[in-house]
Amino acid sequence: MEKPEQNRPENSACGVGQGPLPSCAQLAFPYIPIQENNPARYSRMEALETGTLFPGLNLPFKAAIQARTKLANTALVELMALSFAVDELGLYLTTHAQDQEALQLYWSYVKLLKEGQEKYQKMHGPLLQTDLTPEDGYAWLKDPWPWDFGGND
Protein backbone atom coordinates (compact mmCIF):
# COMPACT_ATOMS: atom_id res chain seq x y z
CA MET A 1 0.00 0.00 0.00
CA GLU A 2 1.31 3.46 -0.92
CA LYS A 3 1.86 6.07 1.71
CA PRO A 4 -0.53 9.05 1.38
CA GLU A 5 2.33 11.56 1.05
CA GLN A 6 3.48 9.78 -2.12
CA ASN A 7 0.18 10.67 -3.76
CA ARG A 8 0.59 14.40 -3.30
CA PRO A 9 1.10 16.47 -6.49
CA GLU A 10 4.27 18.09 -5.12
CA ASN A 11 5.85 14.63 -4.88
CA SER A 12 4.87 13.62 -8.42
CA ALA A 13 6.92 13.92 -11.59
CA CYS A 14 4.76 16.74 -12.94
CA GLY A 15 6.82 19.55 -14.43
CA VAL A 16 6.10 23.26 -14.21
CA GLY A 17 4.34 25.01 -17.08
CA GLN A 18 3.40 21.92 -19.09
CA GLY A 19 -0.04 23.35 -19.88
CA PRO A 20 -2.24 20.37 -20.80
CA LEU A 21 -3.20 18.10 -17.96
CA PRO A 22 -0.27 15.68 -17.71
CA SER A 23 -0.81 12.00 -17.00
CA CYS A 24 0.90 12.48 -13.64
CA ALA A 25 -1.78 14.94 -12.44
CA GLN A 26 -4.20 13.04 -10.27
CA LEU A 27 -7.87 13.83 -10.66
CA ALA A 28 -8.35 14.02 -6.90
CA PHE A 29 -6.01 17.02 -6.78
CA PRO A 30 -6.42 20.17 -8.86
CA TYR A 31 -3.58 20.82 -11.26
CA ILE A 32 -2.73 24.42 -12.07
CA PRO A 33 0.27 25.04 -14.29
CA ILE A 34 2.60 27.71 -12.93
CA GLN A 35 3.51 30.39 -15.42
CA GLU A 36 7.15 31.23 -15.90
CA ASN A 37 8.25 34.78 -16.74
CA ASN A 38 7.75 35.84 -20.35
CA PRO A 39 5.65 32.82 -21.45
CA ALA A 40 4.69 32.18 -25.06
CA ARG A 41 1.53 34.03 -26.11
CA TYR A 42 -1.16 33.52 -28.73
CA SER A 43 -2.19 36.33 -31.05
CA ARG A 44 -5.16 38.37 -29.81
CA MET A 45 -7.56 36.48 -32.08
CA GLU A 46 -6.21 33.06 -31.09
CA ALA A 47 -6.48 34.11 -27.45
CA LEU A 48 -10.13 35.05 -27.87
CA GLU A 49 -10.87 31.77 -29.67
CA THR A 50 -9.00 29.56 -27.18
CA GLY A 51 -10.05 31.34 -24.00
CA THR A 52 -6.50 32.16 -22.88
CA LEU A 53 -3.63 34.32 -24.07
CA PHE A 54 -1.09 31.73 -22.94
CA PRO A 55 -0.67 28.37 -24.74
CA GLY A 56 0.61 26.82 -21.51
CA LEU A 57 -2.82 27.37 -19.94
CA ASN A 58 -4.81 25.99 -22.88
CA LEU A 59 -6.35 22.88 -21.33
CA PRO A 60 -7.71 19.94 -23.37
CA PHE A 61 -11.41 20.39 -22.53
CA LYS A 62 -11.34 23.66 -24.47
CA ALA A 63 -10.77 21.83 -27.79
CA ALA A 64 -14.47 21.00 -28.20
CA ILE A 65 -15.46 24.61 -27.56
CA GLN A 66 -12.80 25.97 -29.91
CA ALA A 67 -14.08 23.84 -32.78
CA ARG A 68 -17.52 25.47 -32.44
CA THR A 69 -16.49 29.08 -31.85
CA LYS A 70 -14.67 30.24 -34.97
CA LEU A 71 -15.24 33.97 -35.10
CA ALA A 72 -15.60 36.12 -38.21
CA ASN A 73 -12.90 38.72 -38.78
CA THR A 74 -14.87 41.90 -38.09
CA ALA A 75 -14.08 45.19 -36.36
CA LEU A 76 -16.25 44.18 -33.39
CA VAL A 77 -14.51 40.81 -33.03
CA GLU A 78 -11.11 42.53 -33.18
CA LEU A 79 -12.23 44.83 -30.34
CA MET A 80 -13.35 41.77 -28.39
CA ALA A 81 -9.95 40.14 -29.00
CA LEU A 82 -8.08 43.26 -27.89
CA SER A 83 -10.23 43.58 -24.77
CA PHE A 84 -9.68 39.92 -23.93
CA ALA A 85 -5.90 40.21 -24.42
CA VAL A 86 -5.82 43.32 -22.19
CA ASP A 87 -7.69 41.43 -19.45
CA GLU A 88 -5.43 38.36 -19.75
CA LEU A 89 -2.25 40.44 -19.67
CA GLY A 90 -3.60 42.36 -16.68
CA LEU A 91 -4.15 39.10 -14.81
CA TYR A 92 -0.69 37.85 -15.77
CA LEU A 93 0.95 41.13 -14.69
CA THR A 94 -0.72 40.82 -11.29
CA THR A 95 1.67 37.95 -10.54
CA HIS A 96 4.51 38.88 -12.93
CA ALA A 97 4.77 42.66 -12.51
CA GLN A 98 8.46 42.71 -13.48
CA ASP A 99 7.88 41.25 -16.97
CA GLN A 100 8.65 44.37 -19.02
CA GLU A 101 7.84 42.77 -22.37
CA ALA A 102 4.34 41.85 -21.17
CA LEU A 103 3.91 45.32 -19.66
CA GLN A 104 4.83 47.01 -22.95
CA LEU A 105 2.47 44.71 -24.84
CA TYR A 106 -0.27 45.49 -22.30
CA TRP A 107 0.03 49.24 -22.85
CA SER A 108 0.20 48.90 -26.63
CA TYR A 109 -3.00 46.79 -26.57
CA VAL A 110 -4.71 49.31 -24.26
CA LYS A 111 -3.86 52.08 -26.73
CA LEU A 112 -5.12 50.05 -29.72
CA LEU A 113 -8.28 49.15 -27.81
CA LYS A 114 -9.07 52.77 -26.92
CA GLU A 115 -8.45 53.93 -30.49
CA GLY A 116 -10.53 51.10 -31.93
CA GLN A 117 -13.42 51.67 -29.54
CA GLU A 118 -13.45 55.38 -30.34
CA LYS A 119 -13.48 54.75 -34.09
CA TYR A 120 -16.14 52.05 -33.80
CA GLN A 121 -18.38 54.17 -31.59
CA LYS A 122 -18.18 57.14 -33.99
CA MET A 123 -19.50 54.87 -36.73
CA HIS A 124 -21.99 52.71 -34.81
CA GLY A 125 -22.73 54.31 -31.45
CA PRO A 126 -21.88 53.22 -27.91
CA LEU A 127 -20.58 49.73 -27.21
CA LEU A 128 -21.41 49.82 -23.49
CA GLN A 129 -24.03 51.53 -21.38
CA THR A 130 -21.22 53.44 -19.69
CA ASP A 131 -20.17 54.92 -23.06
CA LEU A 132 -23.32 57.04 -23.23
CA THR A 133 -23.08 60.74 -22.54
CA PRO A 134 -25.73 62.94 -20.89
CA GLU A 135 -26.29 64.56 -24.30
CA ASP A 136 -27.25 61.15 -25.75
CA GLY A 137 -30.02 60.68 -23.23
CA TYR A 138 -30.58 57.03 -22.54
CA ALA A 139 -30.39 55.74 -26.09
CA TRP A 140 -28.84 52.42 -25.14
CA LEU A 141 -31.97 50.40 -25.83
CA LYS A 142 -32.62 51.84 -29.30
CA ASP A 143 -31.86 49.66 -32.32
CA PRO A 144 -29.63 48.74 -34.00
CA TRP A 145 -27.33 47.05 -31.48
CA PRO A 146 -23.57 47.09 -32.19
CA TRP A 147 -23.53 43.42 -33.22
CA ASP A 148 -26.35 44.04 -35.72
CA PHE A 149 -23.84 45.91 -37.88
CA GLY A 150 -21.34 43.05 -37.85
CA GLY A 151 -18.55 45.58 -37.45
CA ASN A 152 -17.37 45.31 -41.05
CA ASP A 153 -16.93 49.02 -41.62
C-alpha atoms as a PDB file:
ATOM      1  CA  MET A   1       0.000   0.000   0.000  1.00  0.00           C
ATOM      2  CA  GLU A   2       1.310   3.459  -0.923  1.00  0.00           C
ATOM      3  CA  LYS A   3       1.860   6.071   1.706  1.00  0.00           C
ATOM      4  CA  PRO A   4      -0.526   9.050   1.378  1.00  0.00           C
ATOM      5  CA  GLU A   5       2.334  11.560   1.051  1.00  0.00           C
ATOM      6  CA  GLN A   6       3.485   9.779  -2.119  1.00  0.00           C
ATOM      7  CA  ASN A   7       0.182  10.671  -3.762  1.00  0.00           C
ATOM      8  CA  ARG A   8       0.592  14.396  -3.299  1.00  0.00           C
ATOM      9  CA  PRO A   9       1.098  16.472  -6.495  1.00  0.00           C
ATOM     10  CA  GLU A  10       4.271  18.089  -5.122  1.00  0.00           C
ATOM     11  CA  ASN A  11       5.850  14.631  -4.883  1.00  0.00           C
ATOM     12  CA  SER A  12       4.875  13.623  -8.424  1.00  0.00           C
ATOM     13  CA  ALA A  13       6.923  13.915 -11.589  1.00  0.00           C
ATOM     14  CA  CYS A  14       4.764  16.744 -12.936  1.00  0.00           C
ATOM     15  CA  GLY A  15       6.823  19.555 -14.431  1.00  0.00           C
ATOM     16  CA  VAL A  16       6.100  23.255 -14.211  1.00  0.00           C
ATOM     17  CA  GLY A  17       4.337  25.012 -17.080  1.00  0.00           C
ATOM     18  CA  GLN A  18       3.399  21.922 -19.086  1.00  0.00           C
ATOM     19  CA  GLY A  19      -0.036  23.349 -19.883  1.00  0.00           C
ATOM     20  CA  PRO A  20      -2.239  20.368 -20.797  1.00  0.00           C
ATOM     21  CA  LEU A  21      -3.199  18.096 -17.965  1.00  0.00           C
ATOM     22  CA  PRO A  22      -0.270  15.679 -17.710  1.00  0.00           C
ATOM     23  CA  SER A  23      -0.807  12.001 -17.000  1.00  0.00           C
ATOM     24  CA  CYS A  24       0.900  12.482 -13.640  1.00  0.00           C
ATOM     25  CA  ALA A  25      -1.778  14.937 -12.442  1.00  0.00           C
ATOM     26  CA  GLN A  26      -4.205  13.039 -10.273  1.00  0.00           C
ATOM     27  CA  LEU A  27      -7.871  13.834 -10.662  1.00  0.00           C
ATOM     28  CA  ALA A  28      -8.349  14.025  -6.897  1.00  0.00           C
ATOM     29  CA  PHE A  29      -6.009  17.017  -6.782  1.00  0.00           C
ATOM     30  CA  PRO A  30      -6.416  20.168  -8.859  1.00  0.00           C
ATOM     31  CA  TYR A  31      -3.577  20.823 -11.262  1.00  0.00           C
ATOM     32  CA  ILE A  32      -2.734  24.423 -12.068  1.00  0.00           C
ATOM     33  CA  PRO A  33       0.269  25.037 -14.285  1.00  0.00           C
ATOM     34  CA  ILE A  34       2.595  27.710 -12.927  1.00  0.00           C
ATOM     35  CA  GLN A  35       3.513  30.392 -15.423  1.00  0.00           C
ATOM     36  CA  GLU A  36       7.146  31.234 -15.905  1.00  0.00           C
ATOM     37  CA  ASN A  37       8.248  34.779 -16.735  1.00  0.00           C
ATOM     38  CA  ASN A  38       7.751  35.841 -20.351  1.00  0.00           C
ATOM     39  CA  PRO A  39       5.653  32.821 -21.446  1.00  0.00           C
ATOM     40  CA  ALA A  40       4.692  32.184 -25.062  1.00  0.00           C
ATOM     41  CA  ARG A  41       1.530  34.026 -26.113  1.00  0.00           C
ATOM     42  CA  TYR A  42      -1.162  33.516 -28.733  1.00  0.00           C
ATOM     43  CA  SER A  43      -2.187  36.333 -31.049  1.00  0.00           C
ATOM     44  CA  ARG A  44      -5.157  38.374 -29.809  1.00  0.00           C
ATOM     45  CA  MET A  45      -7.563  36.484 -32.084  1.00  0.00           C
ATOM     46  CA  GLU A  46      -6.207  33.063 -31.094  1.00  0.00           C
ATOM     47  CA  ALA A  47      -6.485  34.107 -27.449  1.00  0.00           C
ATOM     48  CA  LEU A  48     -10.134  35.054 -27.871  1.00  0.00           C
ATOM     49  CA  GLU A  49     -10.868  31.773 -29.670  1.00  0.00           C
ATOM     50  CA  THR A  50      -9.003  29.563 -27.181  1.00  0.00           C
ATOM     51  CA  GLY A  51     -10.046  31.335 -23.999  1.00  0.00           C
ATOM     52  CA  THR A  52      -6.498  32.158 -22.884  1.00  0.00           C
ATOM     53  CA  LEU A  53      -3.626  34.316 -24.070  1.00  0.00           C
ATOM     54  CA  PHE A  54      -1.093  31.733 -22.941  1.00  0.00           C
ATOM     55  CA  PRO A  55      -0.674  28.365 -24.740  1.00  0.00           C
ATOM     56  CA  GLY A  56       0.615  26.820 -21.511  1.00  0.00           C
ATOM     57  CA  LEU A  57      -2.816  27.370 -19.942  1.00  0.00           C
ATOM     58  CA  ASN A  58      -4.808  25.991 -22.877  1.00  0.00           C
ATOM     59  CA  LEU A  59      -6.351  22.877 -21.333  1.00  0.00           C
ATOM     60  CA  PRO A  60      -7.713  19.937 -23.367  1.00  0.00           C
ATOM     61  CA  PHE A  61     -11.406  20.392 -22.527  1.00  0.00           C
ATOM     62  CA  LYS A  62     -11.338  23.660 -24.468  1.00  0.00           C
ATOM     63  CA  ALA A  63     -10.774  21.830 -27.785  1.00  0.00           C
ATOM     64  CA  ALA A  64     -14.471  21.002 -28.203  1.00  0.00           C
ATOM     65  CA  ILE A  65     -15.460  24.610 -27.556  1.00  0.00           C
ATOM     66  CA  GLN A  66     -12.801  25.968 -29.906  1.00  0.00           C
ATOM     67  CA  ALA A  67     -14.084  23.840 -32.777  1.00  0.00           C
ATOM     68  CA  ARG A  68     -17.521  25.470 -32.442  1.00  0.00           C
ATOM     69  CA  THR A  69     -16.494  29.081 -31.853  1.00  0.00           C
ATOM     70  CA  LYS A  70     -14.668  30.242 -34.968  1.00  0.00           C
ATOM     71  CA  LEU A  71     -15.240  33.974 -35.101  1.00  0.00           C
ATOM     72  CA  ALA A  72     -15.603  36.121 -38.213  1.00  0.00           C
ATOM     73  CA  ASN A  73     -12.903  38.722 -38.784  1.00  0.00           C
ATOM     74  CA  THR A  74     -14.869  41.903 -38.087  1.00  0.00           C
ATOM     75  CA  ALA A  75     -14.075  45.190 -36.362  1.00  0.00           C
ATOM     76  CA  LEU A  76     -16.255  44.183 -33.387  1.00  0.00           C
ATOM     77  CA  VAL A  77     -14.510  40.806 -33.028  1.00  0.00           C
ATOM     78  CA  GLU A  78     -11.110  42.534 -33.184  1.00  0.00           C
ATOM     79  CA  LEU A  79     -12.230  44.832 -30.342  1.00  0.00           C
ATOM     80  CA  MET A  80     -13.352  41.771 -28.388  1.00  0.00           C
ATOM     81  CA  ALA A  81      -9.953  40.139 -29.000  1.00  0.00           C
ATOM     82  CA  LEU A  82      -8.078  43.258 -27.889  1.00  0.00           C
ATOM     83  CA  SER A  83     -10.227  43.582 -24.768  1.00  0.00           C
ATOM     84  CA  PHE A  84      -9.677  39.917 -23.929  1.00  0.00           C
ATOM     85  CA  ALA A  85      -5.896  40.212 -24.420  1.00  0.00           C
ATOM     86  CA  VAL A  86      -5.815  43.324 -22.185  1.00  0.00           C
ATOM     87  CA  ASP A  87      -7.685  41.431 -19.450  1.00  0.00           C
ATOM     88  CA  GLU A  88      -5.432  38.360 -19.754  1.00  0.00           C
ATOM     89  CA  LEU A  89      -2.254  40.437 -19.670  1.00  0.00           C
ATOM     90  CA  GLY A  90      -3.597  42.356 -16.683  1.00  0.00           C
ATOM     91  CA  LEU A  91      -4.146  39.104 -14.806  1.00  0.00           C
ATOM     92  CA  TYR A  92      -0.687  37.854 -15.774  1.00  0.00           C
ATOM     93  CA  LEU A  93       0.950  41.132 -14.694  1.00  0.00           C
ATOM     94  CA  THR A  94      -0.717  40.819 -11.288  1.00  0.00           C
ATOM     95  CA  THR A  95       1.668  37.953 -10.542  1.00  0.00           C
ATOM     96  CA  HIS A  96       4.510  38.885 -12.929  1.00  0.00           C
ATOM     97  CA  ALA A  97       4.772  42.663 -12.505  1.00  0.00           C
ATOM     98  CA  GLN A  98       8.459  42.710 -13.480  1.00  0.00           C
ATOM     99  CA  ASP A  99       7.876  41.254 -16.970  1.00  0.00           C
ATOM    100  CA  GLN A 100       8.652  44.371 -19.016  1.00  0.00           C
ATOM    101  CA  GLU A 101       7.839  42.770 -22.372  1.00  0.00           C
ATOM    102  CA  ALA A 102       4.339  41.854 -21.174  1.00  0.00           C
ATOM    103  CA  LEU A 103       3.908  45.323 -19.659  1.00  0.00           C
ATOM    104  CA  GLN A 104       4.827  47.013 -22.945  1.00  0.00           C
ATOM    105  CA  LEU A 105       2.470  44.710 -24.837  1.00  0.00           C
ATOM    106  CA  TYR A 106      -0.273  45.487 -22.303  1.00  0.00           C
ATOM    107  CA  TRP A 107       0.027  49.242 -22.848  1.00  0.00           C
ATOM    108  CA  SER A 108       0.197  48.896 -26.627  1.00  0.00           C
ATOM    109  CA  TYR A 109      -2.997  46.788 -26.574  1.00  0.00           C
ATOM    110  CA  VAL A 110      -4.705  49.307 -24.258  1.00  0.00           C
ATOM    111  CA  LYS A 111      -3.858  52.079 -26.727  1.00  0.00           C
ATOM    112  CA  LEU A 112      -5.121  50.054 -29.716  1.00  0.00           C
ATOM    113  CA  LEU A 113      -8.285  49.149 -27.813  1.00  0.00           C
ATOM    114  CA  LYS A 114      -9.069  52.766 -26.920  1.00  0.00           C
ATOM    115  CA  GLU A 115      -8.445  53.929 -30.487  1.00  0.00           C
ATOM    116  CA  GLY A 116     -10.526  51.098 -31.926  1.00  0.00           C
ATOM    117  CA  GLN A 117     -13.420  51.673 -29.540  1.00  0.00           C
ATOM    118  CA  GLU A 118     -13.451  55.383 -30.339  1.00  0.00           C
ATOM    119  CA  LYS A 119     -13.478  54.750 -34.091  1.00  0.00           C
ATOM    120  CA  TYR A 120     -16.136  52.047 -33.803  1.00  0.00           C
ATOM    121  CA  GLN A 121     -18.381  54.169 -31.588  1.00  0.00           C
ATOM    122  CA  LYS A 122     -18.180  57.138 -33.989  1.00  0.00           C
ATOM    123  CA  MET A 123     -19.503  54.869 -36.725  1.00  0.00           C
ATOM    124  CA  HIS A 124     -21.991  52.714 -34.808  1.00  0.00           C
ATOM    125  CA  GLY A 125     -22.727  54.312 -31.454  1.00  0.00           C
ATOM    126  CA  PRO A 126     -21.876  53.218 -27.914  1.00  0.00           C
ATOM    127  CA  LEU A 127     -20.576  49.732 -27.209  1.00  0.00           C
ATOM    128  CA  LEU A 128     -21.407  49.820 -23.491  1.00  0.00           C
ATOM    129  CA  GLN A 129     -24.027  51.535 -21.382  1.00  0.00           C
ATOM    130  CA  THR A 130     -21.224  53.442 -19.688  1.00  0.00           C
ATOM    131  CA  ASP A 131     -20.169  54.915 -23.056  1.00  0.00           C
ATOM    132  CA  LEU A 132     -23.323  57.041 -23.231  1.00  0.00           C
ATOM    133  CA  THR A 133     -23.082  60.737 -22.539  1.00  0.00           C
ATOM    134  CA  PRO A 134     -25.730  62.942 -20.885  1.00  0.00           C
ATOM    135  CA  GLU A 135     -26.290  64.561 -24.299  1.00  0.00           C
ATOM    136  CA  ASP A 136     -27.251  61.155 -25.746  1.00  0.00           C
ATOM    137  CA  GLY A 137     -30.021  60.682 -23.225  1.00  0.00           C
ATOM    138  CA  TYR A 138     -30.577  57.034 -22.536  1.00  0.00           C
ATOM    139  CA  ALA A 139     -30.386  55.744 -26.093  1.00  0.00           C
ATOM    140  CA  TRP A 140     -28.843  52.419 -25.136  1.00  0.00           C
ATOM    141  CA  LEU A 141     -31.975  50.403 -25.831  1.00  0.00           C
ATOM    142  CA  LYS A 142     -32.618  51.841 -29.300  1.00  0.00           C
ATOM    143  CA  ASP A 143     -31.861  49.664 -32.320  1.00  0.00           C
ATOM    144  CA  PRO A 144     -29.626  48.740 -34.000  1.00  0.00           C
ATOM    145  CA  TRP A 145     -27.330  47.054 -31.480  1.00  0.00           C
ATOM    146  CA  PRO A 146     -23.572  47.085 -32.192  1.00  0.00           C
ATOM    147  CA  TRP A 147     -23.530  43.420 -33.225  1.00  0.00           C
ATOM    148  CA  ASP A 148     -26.354  44.036 -35.716  1.00  0.00           C
ATOM    149  CA  PHE A 149     -23.836  45.911 -37.877  1.00  0.00           C
ATOM    150  CA  GLY A 150     -21.342  43.051 -37.853  1.00  0.00           C
ATOM    151  CA  GLY A 151     -18.548  45.576 -37.452  1.00  0.00           C
ATOM    152  CA  ASN A 152     -17.371  45.307 -41.051  1.00  0.00           C
ATOM    153  CA  ASP A 153     -16.926  49.020 -41.623  1.00  0.00           C
END
